[in-house]
C-alpha atoms as a PDB file:
ATOM      1  CA  MET A   1       6.319  -5.554  11.081  1.00  0.00           C
ATOM      2  CA  THR A   2       7.552  -7.803  13.890  1.00  0.00           C
ATOM      3  CA  ASN A   3      10.566  -8.725  11.791  1.00  0.00           C
ATOM      4  CA  LEU A   4      11.390  -5.059  11.381  1.00  0.00           C
ATOM      5  CA  ALA A   5      10.832  -4.465  15.093  1.00  0.00           C
ATOM      6  CA  ASN A   6      13.183  -7.353  15.919  1.00  0.00           C
ATOM      7  CA  LYS A   7      15.819  -5.988  13.578  1.00  0.00           C
ATOM      8  CA  GLU A   8      15.495  -2.553  15.125  1.00  0.00           C
ATOM      9  CA  LYS A   9      15.795  -4.030  18.629  1.00  0.00           C
ATOM     10  CA  ASN A  10      18.909  -5.988  17.617  1.00  0.00           C
ATOM     11  CA  LEU A  11      20.347  -2.903  15.977  1.00  0.00           C
ATOM     12  CA  ASN A  12      19.783  -0.814  19.090  1.00  0.00           C
ATOM     13  CA  GLU A  13      21.386  -3.516  21.238  1.00  0.00           C
ATOM     14  CA  LEU A  14      24.394  -3.607  18.928  1.00  0.00           C
ATOM     15  CA  ILE A  15      24.734   0.162  19.084  1.00  0.00           C
ATOM     16  CA  GLU A  16      24.575   0.026  22.870  1.00  0.00           C
ATOM     17  CA  LYS A  17      27.210  -2.708  22.994  1.00  0.00           C
ATOM     18  CA  LEU A  18      29.476  -0.752  20.667  1.00  0.00           C
ATOM     19  CA  SER A  19      29.096   2.348  22.819  1.00  0.00           C
ATOM     20  CA  ASN A  20      29.844   0.359  25.972  1.00  0.00           C
ATOM     21  CA  LEU A  21      32.851  -1.300  24.384  1.00  0.00           C
ATOM     22  CA  SER A  22      34.428   1.950  23.378  1.00  0.00           C
ATOM     23  CA  ASN A  23      33.814   3.400  26.845  1.00  0.00           C
ATOM     24  CA  SER A  24      34.749   0.418  29.006  1.00  0.00           C
ATOM     25  CA  TYR A  25      37.879  -0.961  27.346  1.00  0.00           C
ATOM     26  CA  SER A  26      41.060   0.778  26.590  1.00  0.00           C
ATOM     27  CA  HIS A  27      41.752   0.365  22.902  1.00  0.00           C
ATOM     28  CA  ASP A  28      44.253   1.928  20.712  1.00  0.00           C
ATOM     29  CA  SER A  29      42.909   4.941  18.899  1.00  0.00           C
ATOM     30  CA  SER A  30      42.563   3.104  15.574  1.00  0.00           C
ATOM     31  CA  ARG A  31      40.360   0.403  17.133  1.00  0.00           C
ATOM     32  CA  ALA A  32      38.200   3.003  18.870  1.00  0.00           C
ATOM     33  CA  GLU A  33      37.902   4.950  15.624  1.00  0.00           C
ATOM     34  CA  LEU A  34      36.951   1.786  13.767  1.00  0.00           C
ATOM     35  CA  LEU A  35      34.216   1.058  16.299  1.00  0.00           C
ATOM     36  CA  LYS A  36      32.910   4.615  16.028  1.00  0.00           C
ATOM     37  CA  LYS A  37      32.807   4.346  12.243  1.00  0.00           C
ATOM     38  CA  GLU A  38      31.008   1.029  12.481  1.00  0.00           C
ATOM     39  CA  ARG A  39      28.502   2.509  14.938  1.00  0.00           C
ATOM     40  CA  ASP A  40      27.951   5.516  12.680  1.00  0.00           C
ATOM     41  CA  SER A  41      27.501   3.211   9.724  1.00  0.00           C
ATOM     42  CA  VAL A  42      24.907   1.163  11.587  1.00  0.00           C
ATOM     43  CA  LEU A  43      23.068   4.338  12.659  1.00  0.00           C
ATOM     44  CA  LEU A  44      23.089   5.615   9.092  1.00  0.00           C
ATOM     45  CA  GLU A  45      21.754   2.293   7.817  1.00  0.00           C
ATOM     46  CA  LYS A  46      19.026   2.403  10.445  1.00  0.00           C
ATOM     47  CA  SER A  47      17.960   5.904   9.421  1.00  0.00           C
ATOM     48  CA  LEU A  48      17.932   4.913   5.741  1.00  0.00           C
ATOM     49  CA  ILE A  49      15.805   1.864   6.511  1.00  0.00           C
ATOM     50  CA  GLU A  50      13.390   3.973   8.551  1.00  0.00           C
ATOM     51  CA  LYS A  51      13.138   6.508   5.725  1.00  0.00           C
ATOM     52  CA  LYS A  52      12.505   3.745   3.185  1.00  0.00           C
ATOM     53  CA  GLN A  53       9.875   2.203   5.459  1.00  0.00           C
ATOM     54  CA  HIS A  54       8.125   5.564   5.753  1.00  0.00           C
ATOM     55  CA  GLU A  55       8.179   5.987   1.968  1.00  0.00           C
ATOM     56  CA  LEU A  56       6.785   2.484   1.482  1.00  0.00           C
ATOM     57  CA  LEU A  57       4.007   3.116   3.991  1.00  0.00           C
ATOM     58  CA  MET A  58       3.075   6.332   2.185  1.00  0.00           C
ATOM     59  CA  GLU A  59       3.081   4.559  -1.172  1.00  0.00           C
ATOM     60  CA  HIS A  60       0.995   1.732   0.297  1.00  0.00           C
ATOM     61  CA  LYS A  61      -1.575   4.231   1.571  1.00  0.00           C
ATOM     62  CA  TYR A  62      -1.684   6.008  -1.797  1.00  0.00           C
ATOM     63  CA  LEU A  63      -2.151   2.743  -3.701  1.00  0.00           C
ATOM     64  CA  LYS A  64      -4.766   1.518  -1.249  1.00  0.00           C
ATOM     65  CA  ASP A  65      -6.757   4.748  -1.692  1.00  0.00           C
ATOM     66  CA  LYS A  66      -6.423   4.482  -5.452  1.00  0.00           C
ATOM     67  CA  ILE A  67      -7.693   0.895  -5.408  1.00  0.00           C
ATOM     68  CA  LEU A  68     -10.708   1.953  -3.338  1.00  0.00           C
ATOM     69  CA  LYS A  69     -11.511   4.737  -5.802  1.00  0.00           C
ATOM     70  CA  LEU A  70     -11.213   2.344  -8.739  1.00  0.00           C
ATOM     71  CA  GLU A  71     -13.469  -0.183  -7.009  1.00  0.00           C
ATOM     72  CA  GLN A  72     -16.074   2.526  -6.430  1.00  0.00           C
ATOM     73  CA  GLU A  73     -15.834   3.608 -10.065  1.00  0.00           C
ATOM     74  CA  LEU A  74     -16.245   0.026 -11.215  1.00  0.00           C
ATOM     75  CA  LYS A  75     -19.268  -0.414  -8.972  1.00  0.00           C
ATOM     76  CA  LYS A  76     -20.875   2.730 -10.410  1.00  0.00           C
ATOM     77  CA  LYS A  77     -20.191   1.588 -13.962  1.00  0.00           C
ATOM     78  CA  ASN A  78     -21.680  -1.831 -13.238  1.00  0.00           C
ATOM     79  CA  GLU A  79     -24.775  -0.200 -11.739  1.00  0.00           C
ATOM     80  CA  LEU A  80     -25.136   2.002 -14.828  1.00  0.00           C
ATOM     81  CA  GLN A  81     -24.693  -1.001 -17.085  1.00  0.00           C
ATOM     82  CA  ASP A  82     -27.361  -2.918 -15.169  1.00  0.00           C
ATOM     83  CA  LYS A  83     -29.719   0.061 -15.381  1.00  0.00           C
ATOM     84  CA  PHE A  84     -29.071   0.374 -19.105  1.00  0.00           C
ATOM     85  CA  SER A  85     -29.764  -3.333 -19.611  1.00  0.00           C
ATOM     86  CA  ARG A  86     -33.043  -3.077 -17.688  1.00  0.00           C
ATOM     87  CA  GLU A  87     -34.108  -0.074 -19.761  1.00  0.00           C
ATOM     88  CA  ILE A  88     -33.289  -1.911 -22.984  1.00  0.00           C
ATOM     89  CA  ASP A  89     -35.332  -4.890 -21.781  1.00  0.00           C
ATOM     90  CA  GLU A  90     -38.250  -2.584 -20.962  1.00  0.00           C
ATOM     91  CA  LEU A  91     -38.039  -0.919 -24.365  1.00  0.00           C
ATOM     92  CA  SER A  92     -37.881  -4.279 -26.046  1.00  0.00           C
ATOM     93  CA  GLN A  93     -40.967  -5.418 -24.160  1.00  0.00           C
ATOM     94  CA  GLU A  94     -42.804  -2.210 -25.061  1.00  0.00           C
ATOM     95  CA  THR A  95     -41.808  -2.628 -28.700  1.00  0.00           C
ATOM     96  CA  GLU A  96     -43.141  -6.188 -28.734  1.00  0.00           C
ATOM     97  CA  GLU A  97     -46.399  -5.013 -27.191  1.00  0.00           C
ATOM     98  CA  LEU A  98     -46.715  -2.234 -29.801  1.00  0.00           C
ATOM     99  CA  VAL A  99     -46.040  -4.672 -32.625  1.00  0.00           C
ATOM    100  CA  GLU A 100     -48.746  -6.962 -31.225  1.00  0.00           C
ATOM    101  CA  GLU A 101     -51.166  -4.043 -31.032  1.00  0.00           C
ATOM    102  CA  ILE A 102     -50.387  -3.041 -34.613  1.00  0.00           C
ATOM    103  CA  ASP A 103     -50.916  -6.637 -35.727  1.00  0.00           C
ATOM    104  CA  LYS A 104     -54.295  -6.682 -33.965  1.00  0.00           C
ATOM    105  CA  TRP A 105     -55.403  -3.505 -35.668  1.00  0.00           C
ATOM    106  CA  GLN A 106     -54.282  -4.686 -39.071  1.00  0.00           C
ATOM    107  CA  MET A 107     -56.319  -7.860 -38.873  1.00  0.00           C
END
């Protein structure tokens, strides 16, 4: 972000210098027009960059939220898997105990 802030600061300084140049010096009309076009171009570029930054921030937020949801889903699935494994272990233990009881009764 500091890089972007530095670029914006430099851009604003350049715009100010261009404005001052066109106001303080007497240029022929073509030079003044060229400076105005350059200033307008820089302002347009700045607005496009700001728009793109806003879009990227929105996309970043969306993706971050999506990642959080997926992590929560994964956590729930892991908890369910652990619960299922524990239940299978319990059933296995109960089955072994029943088999032992049956063996005792058959003897």
